[in-house]
Protein backbone atom coordinates (compact mmCIF):
# COMPACT_ATOMS: atom_id res chain seq x y z
CA UNK A 1 -24.92 7.79 -1.91
CA UNK A 2 -26.84 5.91 -4.54
CA UNK A 3 -29.63 7.43 -6.50
CA UNK A 4 -32.12 5.02 -5.12
CA UNK A 5 -31.39 6.08 -1.58
CA UNK A 6 -31.63 9.72 -2.49
CA UNK A 7 -35.12 9.05 -3.92
CA UNK A 8 -36.24 7.14 -0.88
CA UNK A 9 -34.91 9.85 1.39
CA UNK A 10 -36.83 12.51 -0.55
CA UNK A 11 -40.03 10.53 -0.40
CA UNK A 12 -39.97 9.31 3.16
CA UNK A 13 -38.05 11.86 5.23
CA UNK A 14 -38.74 15.10 3.26
CA UNK A 15 -42.30 14.01 2.42
CA UNK A 16 -41.87 15.20 -1.24
CA UNK A 17 -44.41 14.19 -3.99
CA UNK A 18 -43.41 11.99 -6.82
CA UNK A 19 -43.74 14.97 -9.14
CA UNK A 20 -41.37 17.18 -7.13
CA UNK A 21 -38.77 14.36 -6.81
CA UNK A 22 -38.93 13.86 -10.68
CA UNK A 23 -38.40 17.57 -11.13
CA UNK A 24 -35.32 17.65 -8.80
CA UNK A 25 -33.75 14.51 -10.08
CA UNK A 26 -34.60 15.02 -13.80
CA UNK A 27 -36.09 11.51 -13.94
CA UNK A 28 -39.55 10.42 -15.21
CA UNK A 29 -42.43 10.32 -12.64
CA UNK A 30 -42.97 6.60 -13.74
CA UNK A 31 -39.36 5.77 -12.88
CA UNK A 32 -39.61 7.44 -9.51
CA UNK A 33 -42.78 5.43 -8.84
CA UNK A 34 -41.15 2.24 -10.03
CA UNK A 35 -38.13 2.70 -7.74
CA UNK A 36 -40.32 3.53 -4.84
CA UNK A 37 -42.67 0.57 -5.33
CA UNK A 38 -39.90 -1.85 -6.01
CA UNK A 39 -38.68 -2.19 -2.45
CA UNK A 40 -35.26 -3.49 -3.50
CA UNK A 41 -31.97 -2.79 -2.03
CA UNK A 42 -29.37 -1.00 -4.21
CA UNK A 43 -26.77 -3.61 -5.24
CA UNK A 44 -23.27 -3.17 -4.06
CA UNK A 45 -20.60 -4.55 -6.25
CA UNK A 46 -17.30 -5.62 -4.96
CA UNK A 47 -14.13 -4.98 -6.98
CA UNK A 48 -11.79 -8.03 -7.19
CA UNK A 49 -8.34 -7.63 -6.04
CA UNK A 50 -6.10 -6.66 -8.98
CA UNK A 51 -2.41 -6.24 -9.25
CA UNK A 52 -1.09 -2.75 -9.56
CA UNK A 53 1.15 -1.82 -12.60
CA UNK A 54 3.74 -0.73 -10.04
CA UNK A 55 3.83 -4.08 -8.13
CA UNK A 56 6.74 -5.49 -10.07
CA UNK A 57 8.70 -2.40 -9.24
CA UNK A 58 7.67 -1.90 -5.59
CA UNK A 59 10.96 -3.12 -4.05
CA UNK A 60 13.03 -0.77 -6.36
CA UNK A 61 10.77 2.29 -5.59
CA UNK A 62 10.95 1.54 -1.87
CA UNK A 63 14.65 1.51 -2.11
CA UNK A 64 14.75 4.74 -3.89
CA UNK A 65 12.51 6.49 -1.30
CA UNK A 66 14.57 5.26 1.60
CA UNK A 67 17.85 6.55 -0.01
CA UNK A 68 16.29 10.00 -0.82
CA UNK A 69 14.79 10.29 2.78
């Protein structure tokens, strides 16, 4: 869970003050206020598909596992 979601949950569900949220998170009250007033959604980044270092050896490794099993 992202920090922005945690801050919003503390403010909206738990009805904590900005000062209490700042104390619990260790962030500035100004930053907490900025996050609450922004109304933005936390960005979710997708990771591109990458080759594994073991991909060139996958057939050999599968063969070894079949013989050992």
